[in-house]
Amino acid sequence: MITCGWCNTHYTSWQSQCTSCGGPMPPLPGMELAPPPPPTPRVLPKGFALRTRLTGNVATWVGLIFFTFGSLMAVAIFFASPWATLFPLFFALGGFGMLRLGLTQANNTLRAFRFGTAVAGHVHSVDLDSSNRINDQYARKLVYHFQIENQLHEGSFSSFDSTLSTRRSGQPLWVLYLPEDPTNNTLYPPVR
């Protein structure tokens, strides 16, 4: 199963462009570097920004739930016992922190996609991710390296995309990074 990294549409065979969102699909694993990303500012497929910020962002969802639940409980308890509102306020504050973290990470990823500098990188390793399992299937964790001014940088992600298991150390790929902070980086096109 091949998954579009932009919209999560699944395909049984590879194609160069997603028919659902129009985004370029990740190239099949090989030793050839795919065509480079388009120049900045890059136009992202429709719905990708919303999925990155909200629907596909666990930290945002958990933060939103804790913030909403904690806030509602604090208001309800305040009228009965003002001191008892401290406990739900901790939930609300923790939720706000997670919500902010999720949105900050999502915005950094989107900035890397839109304005990031493209550099050729390579696959360092692909292993099973024992912390990420659905229906008795483990995700695979891909670690990639790229160099900026003779300094090695690393990025990683986990995915259930079946093509990840066919990727080998040394295979080339495109990495987009923010020059002011290379730790904010992503693969182009994205792999999910």
C-alpha atoms as a PDB file:
ATOM      1  CA  MET A   1       0.000   0.000   0.000  1.00  0.00           C
ATOM      2  CA  ILE A   2       1.383   3.398  -1.024  1.00  0.00           C
ATOM      3  CA  THR A   3       0.106   6.466   0.827  1.00  0.00           C
ATOM      4  CA  CYS A   4       0.033  10.051  -0.396  1.00  0.00           C
ATOM      5  CA  GLY A   5       1.931  12.125   2.153  1.00  0.00           C
ATOM      6  CA  TRP A   6      -0.224  15.178   1.454  1.00  0.00           C
ATOM      7  CA  CYS A   7      -3.744  13.779   1.911  1.00  0.00           C
ATOM      8  CA  ASN A   8      -3.293  10.172   3.171  1.00  0.00           C
ATOM      9  CA  THR A   9      -5.033   8.631   0.137  1.00  0.00           C
ATOM     10  CA  HIS A  10      -3.968   4.986  -0.304  1.00  0.00           C
ATOM     11  CA  TYR A  11      -2.956   3.431  -3.629  1.00  0.00           C
ATOM     12  CA  THR A  12      -2.138  -0.159  -4.533  1.00  0.00           C
ATOM     13  CA  SER A  13       0.367   0.910  -7.191  1.00  0.00           C
ATOM     14  CA  TRP A  14       2.681   3.890  -7.481  1.00  0.00           C
ATOM     15  CA  GLN A  15       1.839   6.974  -9.542  1.00  0.00           C
ATOM     16  CA  SER A  16       3.680  10.266  -9.878  1.00  0.00           C
ATOM     17  CA  GLN A  17       0.809  12.490  -8.713  1.00  0.00           C
ATOM     18  CA  CYS A  18      -2.063  11.963  -6.281  1.00  0.00           C
ATOM     19  CA  THR A  19      -5.431  11.968  -8.030  1.00  0.00           C
ATOM     20  CA  SER A  20      -7.148  13.174  -4.845  1.00  0.00           C
ATOM     21  CA  CYS A  21      -5.133  16.297  -3.893  1.00  0.00           C
ATOM     22  CA  GLY A  22      -2.840  16.757  -6.906  1.00  0.00           C
ATOM     23  CA  GLY A  23       0.368  16.644  -4.861  1.00  0.00           C
ATOM     24  CA  PRO A  24       3.488  14.853  -6.075  1.00  0.00           C
ATOM     25  CA  MET A  25       3.878  11.336  -4.691  1.00  0.00           C
ATOM     26  CA  PRO A  26       7.113  10.209  -3.026  1.00  0.00           C
ATOM     27  CA  PRO A  27       9.293   8.481  -5.629  1.00  0.00           C
ATOM     28  CA  LEU A  28       9.772   4.745  -5.467  1.00  0.00           C
ATOM     29  CA  PRO A  29      12.850   3.764  -3.504  1.00  0.00           C
ATOM     30  CA  GLY A  30      15.979   3.722  -5.639  1.00  0.00           C
ATOM     31  CA  MET A  31      19.442   5.152  -5.980  1.00  0.00           C
ATOM     32  CA  GLU A  32      18.353   8.008  -8.277  1.00  0.00           C
ATOM     33  CA  LEU A  33      17.495  11.384  -6.772  1.00  0.00           C
ATOM     34  CA  ALA A  34      13.986  12.519  -7.768  1.00  0.00           C
ATOM     35  CA  PRO A  35      13.455  15.900  -9.468  1.00  0.00           C
ATOM     36  CA  PRO A  36      14.062  18.790  -7.028  1.00  0.00           C
ATOM     37  CA  PRO A  37      11.240  20.547  -5.188  1.00  0.00           C
ATOM     38  CA  PRO A  38       9.722  23.611  -6.857  1.00  0.00           C
ATOM     39  CA  PRO A  39      11.108  27.062  -5.947  1.00  0.00           C
ATOM     40  CA  THR A  40       9.792  28.995  -2.958  1.00  0.00           C
ATOM     41  CA  PRO A  41       7.162  29.935  -2.031  1.00  0.00           C
ATOM     42  CA  ARG A  42       5.797  26.447  -2.690  1.00  0.00           C
ATOM     43  CA  VAL A  43       2.071  25.980  -3.100  1.00  0.00           C
ATOM     44  CA  LEU A  44       0.833  23.120  -0.924  1.00  0.00           C
ATOM     45  CA  PRO A  45      -2.013  20.799  -1.963  1.00  0.00           C
ATOM     46  CA  LYS A  46      -5.423  21.802  -0.646  1.00  0.00           C
ATOM     47  CA  GLY A  47      -6.223  20.643   2.850  1.00  0.00           C
ATOM     48  CA  PHE A  48      -2.604  19.843   3.747  1.00  0.00           C
ATOM     49  CA  ALA A  49      -2.191  22.838   6.077  1.00  0.00           C
ATOM     50  CA  LEU A  50      -5.420  21.993   7.949  1.00  0.00           C
ATOM     51  CA  ARG A  51      -4.392  18.345   8.332  1.00  0.00           C
ATOM     52  CA  THR A  52      -0.940  19.369   9.557  1.00  0.00           C
ATOM     53  CA  ARG A  53      -2.257  21.879  12.097  1.00  0.00           C
ATOM     54  CA  LEU A  54      -5.382  20.131  13.324  1.00  0.00           C
ATOM     55  CA  THR A  55      -6.794  16.849  12.068  1.00  0.00           C
ATOM     56  CA  GLY A  56      -3.506  14.944  11.835  1.00  0.00           C
ATOM     57  CA  ASN A  57      -1.848  16.554  14.861  1.00  0.00           C
ATOM     58  CA  VAL A  58      -2.182  14.499  18.048  1.00  0.00           C
ATOM     59  CA  ALA A  59      -0.682  17.193  20.299  1.00  0.00           C
ATOM     60  CA  THR A  60      -3.216  19.737  19.046  1.00  0.00           C
ATOM     61  CA  TRP A  61      -6.156  17.374  19.622  1.00  0.00           C
ATOM     62  CA  VAL A  62      -5.054  16.322  23.103  1.00  0.00           C
ATOM     63  CA  GLY A  63      -4.300  19.920  24.043  1.00  0.00           C
ATOM     64  CA  LEU A  64      -7.670  21.108  22.774  1.00  0.00           C
ATOM     65  CA  ILE A  65      -9.530  18.393  24.708  1.00  0.00           C
ATOM     66  CA  PHE A  66      -7.651  19.050  27.969  1.00  0.00           C
ATOM     67  CA  PHE A  67      -7.975  22.822  27.618  1.00  0.00           C
ATOM     68  CA  THR A  68     -11.732  22.667  26.901  1.00  0.00           C
ATOM     69  CA  PHE A  69     -12.463  20.081  29.606  1.00  0.00           C
ATOM     70  CA  GLY A  70     -10.329  21.873  32.212  1.00  0.00           C
ATOM     71  CA  SER A  71     -11.834  25.281  31.413  1.00  0.00           C
ATOM     72  CA  LEU A  72     -15.431  24.040  31.592  1.00  0.00           C
ATOM     73  CA  MET A  73     -14.774  22.185  34.847  1.00  0.00           C
ATOM     74  CA  ALA A  74     -13.065  25.258  36.362  1.00  0.00           C
ATOM     75  CA  VAL A  75     -16.054  27.465  35.543  1.00  0.00           C
ATOM     76  CA  ALA A  76     -18.534  24.899  36.889  1.00  0.00           C
ATOM     77  CA  ILE A  77     -16.617  24.311  40.127  1.00  0.00           C
ATOM     78  CA  PHE A  78     -15.803  27.995  40.711  1.00  0.00           C
ATOM     79  CA  PHE A  79     -19.344  28.780  41.840  1.00  0.00           C
ATOM     80  CA  ALA A  80     -19.365  25.893  44.331  1.00  0.00           C
ATOM     81  CA  SER A  81     -15.859  26.306  45.751  1.00  0.00           C
ATOM     82  CA  PRO A  82     -13.377  28.817  44.300  1.00  0.00           C
ATOM     83  CA  TRP A  83     -10.354  26.983  45.755  1.00  0.00           C
ATOM     84  CA  ALA A  84     -11.388  23.735  44.087  1.00  0.00           C
ATOM     85  CA  THR A  85     -10.951  25.344  40.673  1.00  0.00           C
ATOM     86  CA  LEU A  86      -7.150  24.934  40.941  1.00  0.00           C
ATOM     87  CA  PHE A  87      -7.290  21.259  39.945  1.00  0.00           C
ATOM     88  CA  PRO A  88      -9.192  21.743  36.658  1.00  0.00           C
ATOM     89  CA  LEU A  89      -7.108  24.842  35.927  1.00  0.00           C
ATOM     90  CA  PHE A  90      -4.014  22.595  35.847  1.00  0.00           C
ATOM     91  CA  PHE A  91      -5.758  20.553  33.149  1.00  0.00           C
ATOM     92  CA  ALA A  92      -6.595  23.726  31.240  1.00  0.00           C
ATOM     93  CA  LEU A  93      -3.034  25.079  31.483  1.00  0.00           C
ATOM     94  CA  GLY A  94      -1.500  21.740  30.492  1.00  0.00           C
ATOM     95  CA  GLY A  95      -3.916  21.531  27.577  1.00  0.00           C
ATOM     96  CA  PHE A  96      -3.046  25.040  26.495  1.00  0.00           C
ATOM     97  CA  GLY A  97       0.653  24.138  26.561  1.00  0.00           C
ATOM     98  CA  MET A  98       0.095  21.029  24.430  1.00  0.00           C
ATOM     99  CA  LEU A  99      -2.125  22.959  22.032  1.00  0.00           C
ATOM    100  CA  ARG A 100       0.551  25.620  21.636  1.00  0.00           C
ATOM    101  CA  LEU A 101       3.278  22.984  21.154  1.00  0.00           C
ATOM    102  CA  GLY A 102       1.248  21.159  18.496  1.00  0.00           C
ATOM    103  CA  LEU A 103       0.491  24.346  16.567  1.00  0.00           C
ATOM    104  CA  THR A 104       4.096  25.582  16.812  1.00  0.00           C
ATOM    105  CA  GLN A 105       5.446  22.284  15.449  1.00  0.00           C
ATOM    106  CA  ALA A 106       2.825  22.273  12.677  1.00  0.00           C
ATOM    107  CA  ASN A 107       3.598  25.869  11.676  1.00  0.00           C
ATOM    108  CA  ASN A 108       7.341  25.121  11.580  1.00  0.00           C
ATOM    109  CA  THR A 109       6.695  22.113   9.350  1.00  0.00           C
ATOM    110  CA  LEU A 110       4.486  24.177   7.038  1.00  0.00           C
ATOM    111  CA  ARG A 111       7.132  26.923   6.853  1.00  0.00           C
ATOM    112  CA  ALA A 112       9.724  24.293   5.902  1.00  0.00           C
ATOM    113  CA  PHE A 113       7.432  23.049   3.109  1.00  0.00           C
ATOM    114  CA  ARG A 114       6.663  26.534   1.816  1.00  0.00           C
ATOM    115  CA  PHE A 115       9.972  28.350   2.294  1.00  0.00           C
ATOM    116  CA  GLY A 116      12.551  25.712   3.220  1.00  0.00           C
ATOM    117  CA  THR A 117      15.861  25.347   1.428  1.00  0.00           C
ATOM    118  CA  ALA A 118      16.144  22.100  -0.533  1.00  0.00           C
ATOM    119  CA  VAL A 119      19.185  19.902  -0.019  1.00  0.00           C
ATOM    120  CA  ALA A 120      19.952  16.344  -1.102  1.00  0.00           C
ATOM    121  CA  GLY A 121      19.987  13.930   1.819  1.00  0.00           C
ATOM    122  CA  HIS A 122      20.082  10.180   2.178  1.00  0.00           C
ATOM    123  CA  VAL A 123      18.422   7.409   4.137  1.00  0.00           C
ATOM    124  CA  HIS A 124      20.482   6.497   7.184  1.00  0.00           C
ATOM    125  CA  SER A 125      18.339   3.642   8.516  1.00  0.00           C
ATOM    126  CA  VAL A 126      14.861   2.113   8.467  1.00  0.00           C
ATOM    127  CA  ASP A 127      13.774   0.083  11.505  1.00  0.00           C
ATOM    128  CA  LEU A 128      10.558  -1.080  13.146  1.00  0.00           C
ATOM    129  CA  ASP A 129       9.057   1.513  15.484  1.00  0.00           C
ATOM    130  CA  SER A 130       7.885  -0.611  18.410  1.00  0.00           C
ATOM    131  CA  SER A 131       6.201   2.421  20.031  1.00  0.00           C
ATOM    132  CA  ASN A 132       3.784   2.884  17.098  1.00  0.00           C
ATOM    133  CA  ARG A 133       1.401  -0.023  16.389  1.00  0.00           C
ATOM    134  CA  ILE A 134      -2.051  -0.303  14.802  1.00  0.00           C
ATOM    135  CA  ASN A 135      -3.892  -3.623  14.286  1.00  0.00           C
ATOM    136  CA  ASP A 136      -0.783  -5.621  15.214  1.00  0.00           C
ATOM    137  CA  GLN A 137       1.204  -3.805  12.510  1.00  0.00           C
ATOM    138  CA  TYR A 138       4.273  -1.847  13.570  1.00  0.00           C
ATOM    139  CA  ALA A 139       5.189   1.380  11.849  1.00  0.00           C
ATOM    140  CA  ARG A 140       8.646   1.818  10.398  1.00  0.00           C
ATOM    141  CA  LYS A 141      10.947   4.609  11.509  1.00  0.00           C
ATOM    142  CA  LEU A 142      13.056   6.226   8.801  1.00  0.00           C
ATOM    143  CA  VAL A 143      16.113   8.215   9.875  1.00  0.00           C
ATOM    144  CA  TYR A 144      17.696  10.476   7.263  1.00  0.00           C
ATOM    145  CA  HIS A 145      20.838  12.599   7.194  1.00  0.00           C
ATOM    146  CA  PHE A 146      21.693  15.768   5.280  1.00  0.00           C
ATOM    147  CA  GLN A 147      24.664  18.111   5.273  1.00  0.00           C
ATOM    148  CA  ILE A 148      24.745  21.899   5.522  1.00  0.00           C
ATOM    149  CA  GLU A 149      28.149  23.556   5.287  1.00  0.00           C
ATOM    150  CA  ASN A 150      29.987  20.348   6.262  1.00  0.00           C
ATOM    151  CA  GLN A 151      27.760  19.820   9.309  1.00  0.00           C
ATOM    152  CA  LEU A 152      25.676  16.647   9.458  1.00  0.00           C
ATOM    153  CA  HIS A 153      22.011  16.984  10.465  1.00  0.00           C
ATOM    154  CA  GLU A 154      19.393  14.328  11.124  1.00  0.00           C
ATOM    155  CA  GLY A 155      15.643  13.980  10.781  1.00  0.00           C
ATOM    156  CA  SER A 156      13.232  11.099  11.322  1.00  0.00           C
ATOM    157  CA  PHE A 157       9.606  10.083  11.114  1.00  0.00           C
ATOM    158  CA  SER A 158       7.423   6.991  11.534  1.00  0.00           C
ATOM    159  CA  SER A 159       5.032   5.702   8.900  1.00  0.00           C
ATOM    160  CA  PHE A 160       2.897   2.722   7.959  1.00  0.00           C
ATOM    161  CA  ASP A 161       3.645   3.231   4.228  1.00  0.00           C
ATOM    162  CA  SER A 162       4.711  -0.190   2.920  1.00  0.00           C
ATOM    163  CA  THR A 163       7.365   1.299   0.622  1.00  0.00           C
ATOM    164  CA  LEU A 164       9.376   2.327   3.690  1.00  0.00           C
ATOM    165  CA  SER A 165      10.431  -1.286   4.240  1.00  0.00           C
ATOM    166  CA  THR A 166      12.095  -1.295   0.795  1.00  0.00           C
ATOM    167  CA  ARG A 167      14.239   1.771   1.467  1.00  0.00           C
ATOM    168  CA  ARG A 168      17.887   1.110   2.205  1.00  0.00           C
ATOM    169  CA  SER A 169      20.730   3.027   3.764  1.00  0.00           C
ATOM    170  CA  GLY A 170      22.298   5.485   1.328  1.00  0.00           C
ATOM    171  CA  GLN A 171      19.237   6.000  -0.897  1.00  0.00           C
ATOM    172  CA  PRO A 172      18.934   9.695  -1.835  1.00  0.00           C
ATOM    173  CA  LEU A 173      15.977  11.932  -0.990  1.00  0.00           C
ATOM    174  CA  TRP A 174      15.144  15.642  -0.858  1.00  0.00           C
ATOM    175  CA  VAL A 175      15.092  17.435   2.481  1.00  0.00           C
ATOM    176  CA  LEU A 176      13.610  20.893   3.086  1.00  0.00           C
ATOM    177  CA  TYR A 177      15.000  22.779   6.081  1.00  0.00           C
ATOM    178  CA  LEU A 178      14.718  26.251   7.571  1.00  0.00           C
ATOM    179  CA  PRO A 179      18.139  27.973   7.377  1.00  0.00           C
ATOM    180  CA  GLU A 180      17.641  29.702  10.742  1.00  0.00           C
ATOM    181  CA  ASP A 181      16.978  26.322  12.423  1.00  0.00           C
ATOM    182  CA  PRO A 182      17.902  23.144  10.488  1.00  0.00           C
ATOM    183  CA  THR A 183      16.208  21.017  13.154  1.00  0.00           C
ATOM    184  CA  ASN A 184      12.963  22.156  11.468  1.00  0.00           C
ATOM    185  CA  ASN A 185      13.170  19.892   8.451  1.00  0.00           C
ATOM    186  CA  THR A 186      11.003  17.558   6.433  1.00  0.00           C
ATOM    187  CA  LEU A 187      11.136  15.303   3.397  1.00  0.00           C
ATOM    188  CA  TYR A 188       9.801  16.461   0.036  1.00  0.00           C
ATOM    189  CA  PRO A 189       7.389  15.077  -0.984  1.00  0.00           C
ATOM    190  CA  PRO A 190       6.206  14.002   2.464  1.00  0.00           C
ATOM    191  CA  VAL A 191       5.926  10.342   3.377  1.00  0.00           C
ATOM    192  CA  ARG A 192       3.129   9.263   5.707  1.00  0.00           C
END
